[in-house]
Amino acid sequence: MKLNDIEAFELRAEAFRIMTGHMAPGKSASHYSQPASDEVREAAFKEWINKYGAVVHAMTVAAGRILVKDEA
């Protein structure tokens, strides 16, 4: 099974949030949190993807190969 674009985005976004505490660019932060500005999140995401992009890509591909969708 291959992940669709939304599933792959959600995996990357959640990994980014776990590792940095920031919501990924394109995601909305809760009104109850103190979210960083779009510029700060963009810069943090660029730095994160430059450093971990190859691993993030490999894990996304691996998840798509291992996870099975419930077709019911």
N, C-alpha and C. Protein backbone atom coordinates (compact mmCIF):
# COMPACT_ATOMS: atom_id res chain seq x y z
N MET A 1 0.84 -1.18 0.00
CA MET A 1 0.00 0.00 0.00
C MET A 1 0.89 1.24 0.00
N LYS A 2 0.54 2.18 -0.78
CA LYS A 2 1.24 3.45 -0.79
C LYS A 2 0.38 4.48 -0.08
N LEU A 3 1.02 5.28 0.77
CA LEU A 3 0.29 6.36 1.44
C LEU A 3 -0.12 7.41 0.43
N ASN A 4 -1.30 7.97 0.61
CA ASN A 4 -1.66 9.08 -0.26
C ASN A 4 -0.96 10.34 0.26
N ASP A 5 -1.05 11.42 -0.50
CA ASP A 5 -0.33 12.66 -0.15
C ASP A 5 -0.73 13.21 1.21
N ILE A 6 -2.00 13.12 1.55
CA ILE A 6 -2.47 13.64 2.84
C ILE A 6 -1.91 12.80 3.99
N GLU A 7 -1.94 11.49 3.85
CA GLU A 7 -1.39 10.62 4.89
C GLU A 7 0.11 10.86 5.09
N ALA A 8 0.85 11.00 3.99
CA ALA A 8 2.28 11.27 4.09
C ALA A 8 2.54 12.62 4.76
N PHE A 9 1.74 13.63 4.40
CA PHE A 9 1.86 14.95 5.03
C PHE A 9 1.60 14.86 6.52
N GLU A 10 0.54 14.14 6.91
CA GLU A 10 0.19 14.02 8.33
C GLU A 10 1.30 13.31 9.12
N LEU A 11 1.92 12.29 8.54
CA LEU A 11 3.03 11.62 9.22
C LEU A 11 4.20 12.58 9.42
N ARG A 12 4.57 13.31 8.37
CA ARG A 12 5.67 14.28 8.50
C ARG A 12 5.32 15.36 9.51
N ALA A 13 4.10 15.86 9.45
CA ALA A 13 3.68 16.93 10.36
C ALA A 13 3.71 16.47 11.81
N GLU A 14 3.27 15.25 12.06
CA GLU A 14 3.27 14.75 13.45
C GLU A 14 4.69 14.50 13.94
N ALA A 15 5.55 13.96 13.09
CA ALA A 15 6.95 13.77 13.48
C ALA A 15 7.60 15.12 13.80
N PHE A 16 7.32 16.12 12.98
CA PHE A 16 7.85 17.47 13.21
C PHE A 16 7.35 18.02 14.54
N ARG A 17 6.06 17.85 14.83
CA ARG A 17 5.50 18.34 16.09
C ARG A 17 6.13 17.64 17.29
N ILE A 18 6.29 16.33 17.19
CA ILE A 18 6.89 15.57 18.29
C ILE A 18 8.32 16.03 18.55
N MET A 19 9.07 16.24 17.49
CA MET A 19 10.48 16.56 17.64
C MET A 19 10.75 18.02 17.99
N THR A 20 9.86 18.93 17.56
CA THR A 20 10.15 20.35 17.75
C THR A 20 9.15 21.08 18.64
N GLY A 21 7.97 20.51 18.81
CA GLY A 21 6.93 21.20 19.56
C GLY A 21 6.13 22.18 18.71
N HIS A 22 6.51 22.35 17.44
CA HIS A 22 5.81 23.26 16.54
C HIS A 22 4.82 22.50 15.67
N MET A 23 3.73 23.15 15.33
CA MET A 23 2.84 22.62 14.31
C MET A 23 3.53 22.86 12.97
N ALA A 24 3.39 21.91 12.07
CA ALA A 24 4.01 22.04 10.75
C ALA A 24 3.35 23.18 9.97
N PRO A 25 4.10 23.80 9.07
CA PRO A 25 3.49 24.78 8.19
C PRO A 25 2.30 24.13 7.46
N GLY A 26 1.21 24.84 7.41
CA GLY A 26 0.00 24.29 6.80
C GLY A 26 -0.97 23.70 7.80
N LYS A 27 -0.53 23.53 9.05
CA LYS A 27 -1.39 23.02 10.11
C LYS A 27 -1.80 24.19 11.00
N SER A 28 -2.97 24.09 11.57
CA SER A 28 -3.47 25.14 12.47
C SER A 28 -3.22 24.76 13.92
N ALA A 29 -2.63 25.68 14.65
CA ALA A 29 -2.41 25.46 16.08
C ALA A 29 -3.68 25.78 16.85
N SER A 30 -3.83 25.16 17.98
CA SER A 30 -4.97 25.42 18.86
C SER A 30 -4.96 26.87 19.31
N HIS A 31 -6.15 27.44 19.44
CA HIS A 31 -6.26 28.81 19.94
C HIS A 31 -5.81 28.89 21.40
N TYR A 32 -5.78 27.78 22.10
CA TYR A 32 -5.39 27.76 23.50
C TYR A 32 -3.88 27.64 23.69
N SER A 33 -3.16 27.35 22.61
CA SER A 33 -1.71 27.25 22.72
C SER A 33 -1.09 28.61 22.39
N GLN A 34 0.19 28.69 22.50
CA GLN A 34 0.91 29.91 22.15
C GLN A 34 1.75 29.57 20.92
N PRO A 35 1.11 29.49 19.75
CA PRO A 35 1.84 29.04 18.57
C PRO A 35 2.89 30.05 18.10
N ALA A 36 3.92 29.51 17.48
CA ALA A 36 4.95 30.35 16.88
C ALA A 36 4.38 30.99 15.61
N SER A 37 5.00 32.06 15.18
CA SER A 37 4.56 32.72 13.94
C SER A 37 4.81 31.79 12.75
N ASP A 38 4.14 32.08 11.64
CA ASP A 38 4.35 31.30 10.42
C ASP A 38 5.81 31.32 10.00
N GLU A 39 6.45 32.45 10.15
CA GLU A 39 7.86 32.58 9.75
C GLU A 39 8.76 31.68 10.60
N VAL A 40 8.51 31.64 11.90
CA VAL A 40 9.31 30.79 12.80
C VAL A 40 9.07 29.32 12.47
N ARG A 41 7.82 28.95 12.25
CA ARG A 41 7.51 27.55 11.92
C ARG A 41 8.13 27.16 10.59
N GLU A 42 8.06 28.04 9.59
CA GLU A 42 8.67 27.75 8.28
C GLU A 42 10.18 27.54 8.42
N ALA A 43 10.84 28.42 9.15
CA ALA A 43 12.29 28.31 9.34
C ALA A 43 12.64 27.03 10.08
N ALA A 44 11.87 26.71 11.12
CA ALA A 44 12.13 25.50 11.89
C ALA A 44 11.90 24.26 11.02
N PHE A 45 10.86 24.29 10.18
CA PHE A 45 10.58 23.14 9.32
C PHE A 45 11.69 22.96 8.29
N LYS A 46 12.15 24.06 7.69
CA LYS A 46 13.25 23.96 6.71
C LYS A 46 14.49 23.37 7.35
N GLU A 47 14.83 23.84 8.54
CA GLU A 47 16.00 23.32 9.25
C GLU A 47 15.81 21.83 9.57
N TRP A 48 14.62 21.48 10.05
CA TRP A 48 14.32 20.10 10.42
C TRP A 48 14.38 19.18 9.20
N ILE A 49 13.77 19.57 8.09
CA ILE A 49 13.73 18.72 6.91
C ILE A 49 15.12 18.61 6.28
N ASN A 50 15.92 19.67 6.36
CA ASN A 50 17.30 19.58 5.87
C ASN A 50 18.11 18.58 6.68
N LYS A 51 17.87 18.55 7.97
CA LYS A 51 18.63 17.66 8.85
C LYS A 51 18.09 16.23 8.83
N TYR A 52 16.79 16.06 8.83
CA TYR A 52 16.19 14.73 8.98
C TYR A 52 15.40 14.25 7.77
N GLY A 53 15.40 15.00 6.68
CA GLY A 53 14.56 14.69 5.53
C GLY A 53 14.70 13.29 4.99
N ALA A 54 15.93 12.78 4.89
CA ALA A 54 16.14 11.44 4.35
C ALA A 54 15.50 10.38 5.26
N VAL A 55 15.63 10.56 6.56
CA VAL A 55 15.03 9.61 7.51
C VAL A 55 13.51 9.72 7.49
N VAL A 56 13.01 10.93 7.44
CA VAL A 56 11.56 11.14 7.39
C VAL A 56 10.98 10.48 6.14
N HIS A 57 11.64 10.67 5.01
CA HIS A 57 11.18 10.04 3.77
C HIS A 57 11.20 8.51 3.89
N ALA A 58 12.29 7.97 4.40
CA ALA A 58 12.40 6.51 4.55
C ALA A 58 11.31 5.96 5.46
N MET A 59 11.03 6.65 6.56
CA MET A 59 10.00 6.17 7.49
C MET A 59 8.60 6.29 6.87
N THR A 60 8.38 7.31 6.07
CA THR A 60 7.08 7.46 5.40
C THR A 60 6.87 6.33 4.39
N VAL A 61 7.91 6.01 3.63
CA VAL A 61 7.82 4.90 2.67
C VAL A 61 7.61 3.59 3.42
N ALA A 62 8.37 3.39 4.50
CA ALA A 62 8.23 2.17 5.29
C ALA A 62 6.83 2.02 5.87
N ALA A 63 6.30 3.12 6.38
CA ALA A 63 4.93 3.07 6.94
C ALA A 63 3.94 2.68 5.86
N GLY A 64 4.09 3.22 4.67
CA GLY A 64 3.20 2.87 3.57
C GLY A 64 3.29 1.41 3.17
N ARG A 65 4.47 0.83 3.32
CA ARG A 65 4.65 -0.58 2.98
C ARG A 65 4.12 -1.51 4.06
N ILE A 66 4.12 -1.07 5.29
CA ILE A 66 3.76 -1.94 6.41
C ILE A 66 2.29 -1.79 6.80
N LEU A 67 1.80 -0.58 6.83
CA LEU A 67 0.42 -0.35 7.28
C LEU A 67 -0.57 -0.88 6.27
N VAL A 68 -1.64 -1.43 6.78
CA VAL A 68 -2.69 -1.95 5.91
C VAL A 68 -3.97 -1.22 6.22
N LYS A 69 -4.58 -0.66 5.19
CA LYS A 69 -5.85 0.04 5.39
C LYS A 69 -6.95 -0.98 5.55
N ASP A 70 -7.90 -0.63 6.40
CA ASP A 70 -9.10 -1.45 6.56
C ASP A 70 -10.03 -1.12 5.41
N GLU A 71 -10.22 -2.06 4.52
CA GLU A 71 -11.01 -1.83 3.32
C GLU A 71 -12.51 -2.10 3.55
N ALA A 72 -12.90 -2.30 4.79
CA ALA A 72 -14.31 -2.61 5.09
C ALA A 72 -15.22 -1.46 4.86
